[in-house]
Amino acid sequence: VNNAGVIYVGEYHEMDEAFLRQLIEVNHTAVAIGTLYGYRAMKAQGHGLIVNVASQGGLMPVGTMAAYSGTKHAVVGLTASVAGEAEAHGVQFRTVCPGNVASEMLTKAQTRGTGADSVLRRLPKLMSAEDAAIIIVDGFSKRPRKIIFPWYSKVLGLVQRLWPEFGHRGVVHSIEQFRAERDDSLSQN
């Protein structure tokens, strides 16, 4: 299981370059390298299962979390691409795309701008890590290539595929809200 994630909340152009590099290293590069070595070992033994944890953010754009979303899109794409190659060698792949799960990643999110904390507070109710684990293990028995949860993540992912403008409009709305809250906070100081 390759599960790694750090997050930045704020406008992309305000990110610190060093943190952006760290975010890419953790969220994508570590998963890609783990996939490489796991695949090699499992190919040699003739079977295996690699699980890469992405995110709902890997299925659609996420306003105020562009770098995070971009790296999770990369994990989804990598896993789907390697799965086709690995099938002939007996190696299976699954991508897990959870919605919002209570984790240190969210509590330790790097934020920029006074509206950033309000973005995290507006997230839908967080699922416990234990409940997420139960859904993931149950999902393995059904053998889907992607395990997407909770229900709203499935719906949002489907809507995004059918109507890409939906995601774009969502990003525009999120950024507008973020900027308004930041500007209100700054004007009160």
N, C-alpha and C. Protein backbone atom coordinates (compact mmCIF):
# COMPACT_ATOMS: atom_id res chain seq x y z
N VAL A 1 0.85 -1.18 0.00
CA VAL A 1 0.00 0.00 0.00
C VAL A 1 0.89 1.23 0.00
N ASN A 2 0.67 2.08 -1.00
CA ASN A 2 1.38 3.36 -1.08
C ASN A 2 0.39 4.45 -0.67
N ASN A 3 0.61 5.01 0.50
CA ASN A 3 -0.29 6.02 1.04
C ASN A 3 0.54 7.16 1.58
N ALA A 4 0.56 8.25 0.86
CA ALA A 4 1.35 9.40 1.30
C ALA A 4 0.59 10.67 0.96
N GLY A 5 0.67 11.66 1.83
CA GLY A 5 0.00 12.90 1.49
C GLY A 5 0.36 14.06 2.39
N VAL A 6 0.66 15.17 1.76
CA VAL A 6 0.74 16.47 2.43
C VAL A 6 -0.12 17.41 1.60
N ILE A 7 -0.58 18.45 2.23
CA ILE A 7 -1.54 19.32 1.56
C ILE A 7 -1.20 20.78 1.81
N TYR A 8 -1.52 21.60 0.84
CA TYR A 8 -1.38 23.05 0.92
C TYR A 8 -2.75 23.63 0.59
N VAL A 9 -3.21 24.57 1.41
CA VAL A 9 -4.48 25.24 1.17
C VAL A 9 -4.20 26.72 0.95
N GLY A 10 -4.55 27.20 -0.21
CA GLY A 10 -4.35 28.60 -0.56
C GLY A 10 -4.24 28.73 -2.06
N GLU A 11 -3.89 29.91 -2.51
CA GLU A 11 -3.75 30.12 -3.95
C GLU A 11 -2.40 29.56 -4.40
N TYR A 12 -2.41 28.89 -5.52
CA TYR A 12 -1.22 28.21 -6.03
C TYR A 12 -0.04 29.16 -6.19
N HIS A 13 -0.28 30.35 -6.71
CA HIS A 13 0.82 31.28 -6.99
C HIS A 13 1.48 31.79 -5.71
N GLU A 14 0.84 31.57 -4.56
CA GLU A 14 1.41 32.01 -3.29
C GLU A 14 2.22 30.91 -2.58
N MET A 15 2.27 29.73 -3.17
CA MET A 15 3.00 28.62 -2.55
C MET A 15 4.49 28.89 -2.51
N ASP A 16 5.11 28.41 -1.46
CA ASP A 16 6.56 28.42 -1.35
C ASP A 16 7.10 27.30 -2.25
N GLU A 17 8.09 27.61 -3.08
CA GLU A 17 8.60 26.61 -4.02
C GLU A 17 9.16 25.39 -3.31
N ALA A 18 9.82 25.58 -2.18
CA ALA A 18 10.38 24.44 -1.46
C ALA A 18 9.26 23.51 -0.97
N PHE A 19 8.16 24.10 -0.50
CA PHE A 19 7.05 23.25 -0.05
C PHE A 19 6.39 22.55 -1.23
N LEU A 20 6.30 23.24 -2.37
CA LEU A 20 5.74 22.60 -3.57
C LEU A 20 6.57 21.38 -3.95
N ARG A 21 7.88 21.52 -3.92
CA ARG A 21 8.75 20.38 -4.23
C ARG A 21 8.53 19.23 -3.24
N GLN A 22 8.40 19.57 -1.95
CA GLN A 22 8.15 18.56 -0.93
C GLN A 22 6.80 17.87 -1.17
N LEU A 23 5.78 18.64 -1.50
CA LEU A 23 4.46 18.10 -1.74
C LEU A 23 4.49 17.11 -2.91
N ILE A 24 5.15 17.48 -3.99
CA ILE A 24 5.26 16.59 -5.15
C ILE A 24 6.06 15.34 -4.78
N GLU A 25 7.14 15.51 -4.04
CA GLU A 25 7.98 14.39 -3.63
C GLU A 25 7.18 13.38 -2.80
N VAL A 26 6.41 13.88 -1.84
CA VAL A 26 5.65 12.99 -0.96
C VAL A 26 4.43 12.40 -1.69
N ASN A 27 3.64 13.27 -2.31
CA ASN A 27 2.35 12.84 -2.86
C ASN A 27 2.46 12.03 -4.14
N HIS A 28 3.46 12.31 -4.95
CA HIS A 28 3.56 11.56 -6.21
C HIS A 28 4.85 10.75 -6.33
N THR A 29 5.98 11.38 -6.16
CA THR A 29 7.25 10.68 -6.39
C THR A 29 7.39 9.47 -5.49
N ALA A 30 7.08 9.60 -4.20
CA ALA A 30 7.19 8.46 -3.28
C ALA A 30 6.26 7.33 -3.70
N VAL A 31 5.06 7.66 -4.13
CA VAL A 31 4.11 6.64 -4.59
C VAL A 31 4.63 5.98 -5.87
N ALA A 32 5.15 6.78 -6.79
CA ALA A 32 5.66 6.23 -8.05
C ALA A 32 6.84 5.29 -7.81
N ILE A 33 7.73 5.66 -6.91
CA ILE A 33 8.89 4.80 -6.62
C ILE A 33 8.45 3.54 -5.87
N GLY A 34 7.54 3.70 -4.91
CA GLY A 34 7.00 2.53 -4.22
C GLY A 34 6.32 1.57 -5.19
N THR A 35 5.61 2.13 -6.15
CA THR A 35 4.96 1.33 -7.19
C THR A 35 6.00 0.60 -8.03
N LEU A 36 7.06 1.29 -8.41
CA LEU A 36 8.11 0.70 -9.23
C LEU A 36 8.72 -0.52 -8.54
N TYR A 37 9.15 -0.35 -7.30
CA TYR A 37 9.82 -1.45 -6.60
C TYR A 37 8.85 -2.57 -6.23
N GLY A 38 7.63 -2.20 -5.84
CA GLY A 38 6.63 -3.22 -5.54
C GLY A 38 6.28 -4.04 -6.77
N TYR A 39 6.10 -3.37 -7.88
CA TYR A 39 5.76 -4.04 -9.15
C TYR A 39 6.89 -4.99 -9.56
N ARG A 40 8.13 -4.53 -9.47
CA ARG A 40 9.26 -5.40 -9.84
C ARG A 40 9.27 -6.68 -9.01
N ALA A 41 9.09 -6.53 -7.70
CA ALA A 41 9.13 -7.70 -6.81
C ALA A 41 7.96 -8.64 -7.09
N MET A 42 6.78 -8.07 -7.29
CA MET A 42 5.60 -8.91 -7.53
C MET A 42 5.63 -9.56 -8.91
N LYS A 43 6.18 -8.87 -9.88
CA LYS A 43 6.34 -9.45 -11.22
C LYS A 43 7.26 -10.66 -11.14
N ALA A 44 8.34 -10.53 -10.37
CA ALA A 44 9.30 -11.63 -10.23
C ALA A 44 8.66 -12.86 -9.59
N GLN A 45 7.73 -12.65 -8.66
CA GLN A 45 7.07 -13.79 -8.00
C GLN A 45 5.82 -14.25 -8.76
N GLY A 46 5.40 -13.48 -9.75
CA GLY A 46 4.28 -13.89 -10.59
C GLY A 46 2.90 -13.51 -10.10
N HIS A 47 2.82 -12.74 -9.02
CA HIS A 47 1.51 -12.30 -8.52
C HIS A 47 1.71 -11.20 -7.48
N GLY A 48 0.62 -10.51 -7.19
CA GLY A 48 0.65 -9.49 -6.16
C GLY A 48 -0.43 -8.45 -6.37
N LEU A 49 -0.57 -7.60 -5.37
CA LEU A 49 -1.55 -6.53 -5.40
C LEU A 49 -0.90 -5.26 -4.87
N ILE A 50 -0.95 -4.21 -5.65
CA ILE A 50 -0.45 -2.90 -5.22
C ILE A 50 -1.64 -1.96 -5.11
N VAL A 51 -1.72 -1.31 -3.97
CA VAL A 51 -2.80 -0.36 -3.69
C VAL A 51 -2.18 1.02 -3.56
N ASN A 52 -2.59 1.93 -4.42
CA ASN A 52 -2.13 3.32 -4.35
C ASN A 52 -3.29 4.19 -3.89
N VAL A 53 -3.05 4.92 -2.81
CA VAL A 53 -4.08 5.80 -2.27
C VAL A 53 -3.94 7.17 -2.91
N ALA A 54 -4.98 7.59 -3.60
CA ALA A 54 -5.02 8.92 -4.21
C ALA A 54 -5.99 9.75 -3.37
N SER A 55 -7.06 10.22 -3.97
CA SER A 55 -8.00 11.09 -3.27
C SER A 55 -9.16 11.40 -4.19
N GLN A 56 -10.24 11.87 -3.61
CA GLN A 56 -11.32 12.45 -4.42
C GLN A 56 -10.72 13.57 -5.26
N GLY A 57 -9.72 14.26 -4.71
CA GLY A 57 -9.03 15.33 -5.44
C GLY A 57 -8.26 14.85 -6.65
N GLY A 58 -8.09 13.54 -6.80
CA GLY A 58 -7.46 12.99 -7.99
C GLY A 58 -8.45 12.69 -9.10
N LEU A 59 -9.73 12.92 -8.81
CA LEU A 59 -10.79 12.68 -9.79
C LEU A 59 -11.34 13.96 -10.37
N MET A 60 -11.06 15.08 -9.71
CA MET A 60 -11.60 16.37 -10.15
C MET A 60 -10.72 17.49 -9.60
N PRO A 61 -10.80 18.68 -10.19
CA PRO A 61 -10.00 19.79 -9.66
C PRO A 61 -10.53 20.24 -8.31
N VAL A 62 -9.64 20.78 -7.49
CA VAL A 62 -10.02 21.24 -6.16
C VAL A 62 -9.51 22.66 -5.97
N GLY A 63 -10.42 23.60 -5.82
CA GLY A 63 -10.04 24.99 -5.58
C GLY A 63 -9.31 25.14 -4.27
N THR A 64 -8.30 25.95 -4.22
CA THR A 64 -7.41 26.24 -3.09
C THR A 64 -6.51 25.06 -2.73
N MET A 65 -6.56 23.99 -3.50
CA MET A 65 -5.70 22.83 -3.25
C MET A 65 -5.15 22.29 -4.58
N ALA A 66 -4.73 23.18 -5.47
CA ALA A 66 -4.33 22.80 -6.82
C ALA A 66 -3.15 21.83 -6.84
N ALA A 67 -2.12 22.09 -6.07
CA ALA A 67 -0.95 21.22 -6.09
C ALA A 67 -1.29 19.83 -5.57
N TYR A 68 -2.05 19.77 -4.49
CA TYR A 68 -2.48 18.48 -3.94
C TYR A 68 -3.30 17.72 -4.98
N SER A 69 -4.29 18.38 -5.55
CA SER A 69 -5.15 17.75 -6.55
C SER A 69 -4.33 17.26 -7.75
N GLY A 70 -3.39 18.07 -8.20
CA GLY A 70 -2.56 17.68 -9.33
C GLY A 70 -1.76 16.42 -9.07
N THR A 71 -1.18 16.32 -7.87
CA THR A 71 -0.40 15.12 -7.56
C THR A 71 -1.28 13.89 -7.42
N LYS A 72 -2.48 14.07 -6.91
CA LYS A 72 -3.38 12.93 -6.77
C LYS A 72 -3.94 12.49 -8.13
N HIS A 73 -4.13 13.45 -9.06
CA HIS A 73 -4.46 13.08 -10.44
C HIS A 73 -3.34 12.21 -11.03
N ALA A 74 -2.10 12.58 -10.73
CA ALA A 74 -0.94 11.82 -11.23
C ALA A 74 -0.96 10.39 -10.69
N VAL A 75 -1.31 10.22 -9.43
CA VAL A 75 -1.38 8.87 -8.84
C VAL A 75 -2.47 8.05 -9.53
N VAL A 76 -3.63 8.66 -9.76
CA VAL A 76 -4.72 7.95 -10.45
C VAL A 76 -4.26 7.52 -11.84
N GLY A 77 -3.65 8.42 -12.58
CA GLY A 77 -3.19 8.11 -13.94
C GLY A 77 -2.09 7.07 -13.98
N LEU A 78 -1.12 7.19 -13.08
CA LEU A 78 -0.03 6.22 -13.01
C LEU A 78 -0.58 4.82 -12.73
N THR A 79 -1.44 4.73 -11.73
CA THR A 79 -1.96 3.42 -11.33
C THR A 79 -2.76 2.77 -12.46
N ALA A 80 -3.62 3.54 -13.12
CA ALA A 80 -4.42 3.00 -14.22
C ALA A 80 -3.52 2.55 -15.38
N SER A 81 -2.48 3.30 -15.64
CA SER A 81 -1.58 2.97 -16.76
C SER A 81 -0.75 1.73 -16.47
N VAL A 82 -0.18 1.65 -15.28
CA VAL A 82 0.66 0.50 -14.94
C VAL A 82 -0.20 -0.76 -14.78
N ALA A 83 -1.44 -0.61 -14.34
CA ALA A 83 -2.32 -1.78 -14.16
C ALA A 83 -2.48 -2.56 -15.46
N GLY A 84 -2.63 -1.85 -16.56
CA GLY A 84 -2.77 -2.53 -17.85
C GLY A 84 -1.53 -3.30 -18.24
N GLU A 85 -0.38 -2.73 -17.95
CA GLU A 85 0.90 -3.38 -18.24
C GLU A 85 1.11 -4.60 -17.35
N ALA A 86 0.74 -4.48 -16.08
CA ALA A 86 1.06 -5.49 -15.08
C ALA A 86 0.14 -6.71 -15.12
N GLU A 87 -1.02 -6.55 -15.70
CA GLU A 87 -2.01 -7.63 -15.70
C GLU A 87 -1.45 -8.94 -16.25
N ALA A 88 -0.69 -8.88 -17.31
CA ALA A 88 -0.12 -10.08 -17.93
C ALA A 88 0.89 -10.78 -17.02
N HIS A 89 1.38 -10.06 -16.00
CA HIS A 89 2.38 -10.62 -15.08
C HIS A 89 1.76 -11.06 -13.76
N GLY A 90 0.42 -11.03 -13.67
CA GLY A 90 -0.25 -11.47 -12.45
C GLY A 90 -0.28 -10.44 -11.35
N VAL A 91 0.09 -9.22 -11.65
CA VAL A 91 0.10 -8.15 -10.64
C VAL A 91 -1.13 -7.28 -10.84
N GLN A 92 -1.89 -7.14 -9.77
CA GLN A 92 -3.09 -6.32 -9.80
C GLN A 92 -2.84 -4.97 -9.14
N PHE A 93 -3.61 -3.99 -9.56
CA PHE A 93 -3.53 -2.65 -8.99
C PHE A 93 -4.91 -2.17 -8.59
N ARG A 94 -4.97 -1.44 -7.50
CA ARG A 94 -6.19 -0.76 -7.07
C ARG A 94 -5.81 0.68 -6.73
N THR A 95 -6.73 1.59 -7.05
CA THR A 95 -6.58 2.98 -6.65
C THR A 95 -7.68 3.27 -5.64
N VAL A 96 -7.30 3.82 -4.51
CA VAL A 96 -8.27 4.22 -3.49
C VAL A 96 -8.41 5.73 -3.56
N CYS A 97 -9.65 6.20 -3.72
CA CYS A 97 -9.93 7.63 -3.84
C CYS A 97 -10.93 8.04 -2.76
N PRO A 98 -10.46 8.26 -1.54
CA PRO A 98 -11.39 8.66 -0.48
C PRO A 98 -11.73 10.14 -0.56
N GLY A 99 -12.88 10.45 0.00
CA GLY A 99 -13.23 11.85 0.24
C GLY A 99 -12.45 12.31 1.46
N ASN A 100 -13.07 13.04 2.32
CA ASN A 100 -12.37 13.64 3.46
C ASN A 100 -12.32 12.69 4.65
N VAL A 101 -11.12 12.25 4.98
CA VAL A 101 -10.89 11.34 6.09
C VAL A 101 -10.11 12.09 7.16
N ALA A 102 -10.53 11.94 8.41
CA ALA A 102 -9.83 12.58 9.52
C ALA A 102 -8.42 12.01 9.59
N SER A 103 -7.43 12.88 9.42
CA SER A 103 -6.04 12.42 9.43
C SER A 103 -5.12 13.57 9.79
N GLU A 104 -3.89 13.23 10.09
CA GLU A 104 -2.89 14.26 10.38
C GLU A 104 -2.66 15.16 9.18
N MET A 105 -2.87 14.63 7.98
CA MET A 105 -2.63 15.43 6.78
C MET A 105 -3.46 16.72 6.83
N LEU A 106 -4.72 16.61 7.25
CA LEU A 106 -5.57 17.80 7.31
C LEU A 106 -5.19 18.70 8.48
N THR A 107 -4.89 18.11 9.63
CA THR A 107 -4.56 18.95 10.78
C THR A 107 -3.21 19.63 10.63
N LYS A 108 -2.34 19.05 9.80
CA LYS A 108 -1.01 19.64 9.58
C LYS A 108 -0.90 20.34 8.23
N ALA A 109 -2.03 20.60 7.58
CA ALA A 109 -2.01 21.24 6.26
C ALA A 109 -1.30 22.59 6.34
N GLN A 110 -0.44 22.85 5.36
CA GLN A 110 0.17 24.17 5.26
C GLN A 110 -0.86 25.09 4.61
N THR A 111 -1.07 26.24 5.21
CA THR A 111 -2.07 27.16 4.68
C THR A 111 -1.43 28.51 4.40
N ARG A 112 -2.05 29.21 3.46
CA ARG A 112 -1.57 30.55 3.11
C ARG A 112 -2.80 31.42 2.98
N GLY A 113 -2.85 32.47 3.75
CA GLY A 113 -3.99 33.38 3.68
C GLY A 113 -4.95 33.10 4.82
N THR A 114 -5.58 34.14 5.30
CA THR A 114 -6.45 33.99 6.47
C THR A 114 -7.71 33.21 6.17
N GLY A 115 -8.06 33.03 4.89
CA GLY A 115 -9.23 32.24 4.54
C GLY A 115 -8.96 30.74 4.50
N ALA A 116 -7.70 30.33 4.65
CA ALA A 116 -7.35 28.92 4.48
C ALA A 116 -7.97 28.03 5.54
N ASP A 117 -7.95 28.46 6.79
CA ASP A 117 -8.54 27.64 7.84
C ASP A 117 -10.03 27.44 7.62
N SER A 118 -10.70 28.46 7.10
CA SER A 118 -12.14 28.33 6.84
C SER A 118 -12.41 27.32 5.73
N VAL A 119 -11.48 27.17 4.80
CA VAL A 119 -11.64 26.16 3.74
C VAL A 119 -11.70 24.78 4.38
N LEU A 120 -10.78 24.50 5.29
CA LEU A 120 -10.75 23.20 5.96
C LEU A 120 -12.01 22.99 6.80
N ARG A 121 -12.51 24.05 7.43
CA ARG A 121 -13.72 23.93 8.24
C ARG A 121 -14.96 23.65 7.39
N ARG A 122 -14.96 24.05 6.13
CA ARG A 122 -16.12 23.85 5.25
C ARG A 122 -16.16 22.45 4.62
N LEU A 123 -15.15 21.66 4.84
CA LEU A 123 -15.16 20.31 4.26
C LEU A 123 -16.34 19.52 4.81
N PRO A 124 -16.89 18.61 4.01
CA PRO A 124 -17.96 17.75 4.54
C PRO A 124 -17.46 16.99 5.76
N LYS A 125 -18.38 16.45 6.53
CA LYS A 125 -18.03 15.70 7.74
C LYS A 125 -16.92 14.70 7.43
N LEU A 126 -15.91 14.72 8.26
CA LEU A 126 -14.77 13.83 8.05
C LEU A 126 -15.11 12.41 8.49
N MET A 127 -14.71 11.47 7.68
CA MET A 127 -14.87 10.06 8.00
C MET A 127 -13.68 9.64 8.86
N SER A 128 -13.92 8.75 9.81
CA SER A 128 -12.81 8.26 10.63
C SER A 128 -11.91 7.36 9.79
N ALA A 129 -10.65 7.29 10.17
CA ALA A 129 -9.71 6.41 9.47
C ALA A 129 -10.14 4.96 9.59
N GLU A 130 -10.73 4.60 10.72
CA GLU A 130 -11.20 3.23 10.92
C GLU A 130 -12.33 2.89 9.94
N ASP A 131 -13.30 3.80 9.78
CA ASP A 131 -14.39 3.56 8.83
C ASP A 131 -13.86 3.48 7.40
N ALA A 132 -12.90 4.33 7.08
CA ALA A 132 -12.29 4.30 5.74
C ALA A 132 -11.62 2.95 5.50
N ALA A 133 -10.91 2.44 6.51
CA ALA A 133 -10.22 1.15 6.37
C ALA A 133 -11.21 0.02 6.11
N ILE A 134 -12.35 0.05 6.78
CA ILE A 134 -13.38 -0.98 6.58
C ILE A 134 -13.90 -0.94 5.14
N ILE A 135 -14.15 0.26 4.63
CA ILE A 135 -14.64 0.40 3.25
C ILE A 135 -13.60 -0.10 2.26
N ILE A 136 -12.34 0.22 2.51
CA ILE A 136 -11.27 -0.20 1.60
C ILE A 136 -11.15 -1.73 1.57
N VAL A 137 -11.11 -2.35 2.75
CA VAL A 137 -10.98 -3.81 2.81
C VAL A 137 -12.20 -4.47 2.16
N ASP A 138 -13.39 -3.94 2.42
CA ASP A 138 -14.60 -4.47 1.79
C ASP A 138 -14.53 -4.31 0.27
N GLY A 139 -13.97 -3.20 -0.17
CA GLY A 139 -13.83 -2.94 -1.60
C GLY A 139 -12.95 -3.95 -2.30
N PHE A 140 -11.94 -4.47 -1.61
CA PHE A 140 -11.05 -5.46 -2.22
C PHE A 140 -11.82 -6.71 -2.64
N SER A 141 -12.79 -7.12 -1.85
CA SER A 141 -13.54 -8.34 -2.17
C SER A 141 -14.38 -8.15 -3.44
N LYS A 142 -14.71 -6.91 -3.77
CA LYS A 142 -15.51 -6.63 -4.97
C LYS A 142 -14.63 -6.43 -6.20
N ARG A 143 -13.34 -6.28 -5.99
CA ARG A 143 -12.33 -6.20 -7.03
C ARG A 143 -12.48 -5.04 -8.04
N PRO A 144 -12.95 -3.89 -7.62
CA PRO A 144 -12.98 -2.77 -8.57
C PRO A 144 -11.57 -2.22 -8.76
N ARG A 145 -11.32 -1.61 -9.88
CA ARG A 145 -10.00 -0.99 -10.08
C ARG A 145 -9.85 0.26 -9.22
N LYS A 146 -10.97 0.94 -8.98
CA LYS A 146 -10.96 2.13 -8.11
C LYS A 146 -11.96 1.92 -6.99
N ILE A 147 -11.51 2.24 -5.79
CA ILE A 147 -12.39 2.23 -4.62
C ILE A 147 -12.60 3.70 -4.26
N ILE A 148 -13.80 4.19 -4.53
CA ILE A 148 -14.11 5.61 -4.34
C ILE A 148 -15.18 5.70 -3.26
N PHE A 149 -14.95 6.53 -2.26
CA PHE A 149 -15.93 6.71 -1.18
C PHE A 149 -15.70 8.06 -0.51
N PRO A 150 -16.70 8.56 0.23
CA PRO A 150 -18.07 8.08 0.38
C PRO A 150 -18.88 8.34 -0.89
N TRP A 151 -20.17 8.16 -0.78
CA TRP A 151 -21.05 8.23 -1.96
C TRP A 151 -20.88 9.52 -2.74
N TYR A 152 -20.72 10.65 -2.03
CA TYR A 152 -20.64 11.93 -2.75
C TYR A 152 -19.38 12.02 -3.60
N SER A 153 -18.32 11.33 -3.22
CA SER A 153 -17.11 11.32 -4.04
C SER A 153 -17.37 10.62 -5.37
N LYS A 154 -18.14 9.53 -5.32
CA LYS A 154 -18.51 8.83 -6.56
C LYS A 154 -19.33 9.74 -7.47
N VAL A 155 -20.31 10.42 -6.87
CA VAL A 155 -21.18 11.31 -7.66
C VAL A 155 -20.37 12.45 -8.27
N LEU A 156 -19.54 13.10 -7.45
CA LEU A 156 -18.74 14.22 -7.96
C LEU A 156 -17.78 13.77 -9.06
N GLY A 157 -17.17 12.61 -8.89
CA GLY A 157 -16.26 12.10 -9.91
C GLY A 157 -16.98 11.82 -11.22
N LEU A 158 -18.18 11.25 -11.13
CA LEU A 158 -18.97 10.96 -12.32
C LEU A 158 -19.40 12.25 -13.02
N VAL A 159 -19.90 13.21 -12.23
CA VAL A 159 -20.32 14.49 -12.81
C VAL A 159 -19.14 15.17 -13.50
N GLN A 160 -17.97 15.11 -12.88
CA GLN A 160 -16.78 15.74 -13.47
C GLN A 160 -16.43 15.11 -14.81
N ARG A 161 -16.52 13.78 -14.90
CA ARG A 161 -16.22 13.11 -16.17
C ARG A 161 -17.22 13.47 -17.26
N LEU A 162 -18.49 13.57 -16.88
CA LEU A 162 -19.53 13.87 -17.86
C LEU A 162 -19.62 15.35 -18.21
N TRP A 163 -19.27 16.21 -17.26
CA TRP A 163 -19.42 17.65 -17.43
C TRP A 163 -18.22 18.36 -16.82
N PRO A 164 -17.08 18.41 -17.51
CA PRO A 164 -15.86 19.00 -16.97
C PRO A 164 -16.01 20.44 -16.49
N GLU A 165 -16.94 21.18 -17.08
CA GLU A 165 -17.16 22.56 -16.65
C GLU A 165 -17.58 22.64 -15.19
N PHE A 166 -18.21 21.56 -14.69
CA PHE A 166 -18.63 21.50 -13.29
C PHE A 166 -17.44 21.72 -12.36
N GLY A 167 -16.36 21.00 -12.61
CA GLY A 167 -15.17 21.15 -11.77
C GLY A 167 -14.56 22.53 -11.88
N HIS A 168 -14.51 23.05 -13.08
CA HIS A 168 -13.96 24.40 -13.27
C HIS A 168 -14.78 25.43 -12.49
N ARG A 169 -16.09 25.34 -12.60
CA ARG A 169 -16.96 26.29 -11.89
C ARG A 169 -16.76 26.14 -10.38
N GLY A 170 -16.59 24.90 -9.92
CA GLY A 170 -16.35 24.67 -8.50
C GLY A 170 -15.07 25.32 -8.02
N VAL A 171 -14.02 25.24 -8.83
CA VAL A 171 -12.74 25.88 -8.48
C VAL A 171 -12.91 27.39 -8.42
N VAL A 172 -13.56 27.96 -9.42
CA VAL A 172 -13.78 29.41 -9.44
C VAL A 172 -14.55 29.84 -8.19
N HIS A 173 -15.59 29.10 -7.84
CA HIS A 173 -16.39 29.43 -6.66
C HIS A 173 -15.55 29.33 -5.38
N SER A 174 -14.77 28.27 -5.25
CA SER A 174 -13.93 28.09 -4.06
C SER A 174 -12.93 29.23 -3.90
N ILE A 175 -12.30 29.62 -5.00
CA ILE A 175 -11.31 30.70 -4.94
C ILE A 175 -11.99 32.02 -4.59
N GLU A 176 -13.15 32.28 -5.17
CA GLU A 176 -13.87 33.51 -4.85
C GLU A 176 -14.23 33.56 -3.37
N GLN A 177 -14.71 32.45 -2.81
CA GLN A 177 -15.03 32.39 -1.38
C GLN A 177 -13.78 32.60 -0.54
N PHE A 178 -12.71 31.93 -0.91
CA PHE A 178 -11.45 32.05 -0.18
C PHE A 178 -10.98 33.49 -0.16
N ARG A 179 -10.97 34.15 -1.31
CA ARG A 179 -10.51 35.53 -1.39
C ARG A 179 -11.41 36.47 -0.59
N ALA A 180 -12.71 36.26 -0.66
CA ALA A 180 -13.64 37.12 0.08
C ALA A 180 -13.41 37.00 1.59
N GLU A 181 -13.24 35.78 2.08
CA GLU A 181 -13.00 35.59 3.51
C GLU A 181 -11.65 36.16 3.92
N ARG A 182 -10.66 36.01 3.07
CA ARG A 182 -9.34 36.57 3.36
C ARG A 182 -9.42 38.09 3.40
N ASP A 183 -10.09 38.68 2.41
CA ASP A 183 -10.20 40.14 2.35
C ASP A 183 -11.00 40.69 3.53
N ASP A 184 -12.07 39.99 3.93
CA ASP A 184 -12.85 40.41 5.09
C ASP A 184 -12.00 40.39 6.35
N SER A 185 -11.23 39.34 6.50
CA SER A 185 -10.38 39.21 7.68
C SER A 185 -9.31 40.30 7.72
N LEU A 186 -8.72 40.58 6.56
CA LEU A 186 -7.68 41.61 6.50
C LEU A 186 -8.25 43.00 6.77
N SER A 187 -9.47 43.27 6.32
CA SER A 187 -10.07 44.59 6.53
C SER A 187 -10.47 44.80 7.99
N GLN A 188 -10.65 43.72 8.74
CA GLN A 188 -11.00 43.83 10.16
C GLN A 188 -9.78 44.08 11.03
N ASN A 189 -8.61 43.86 10.49
CA ASN A 189 -7.37 44.03 11.27
C ASN A 189 -6.82 45.41 11.15
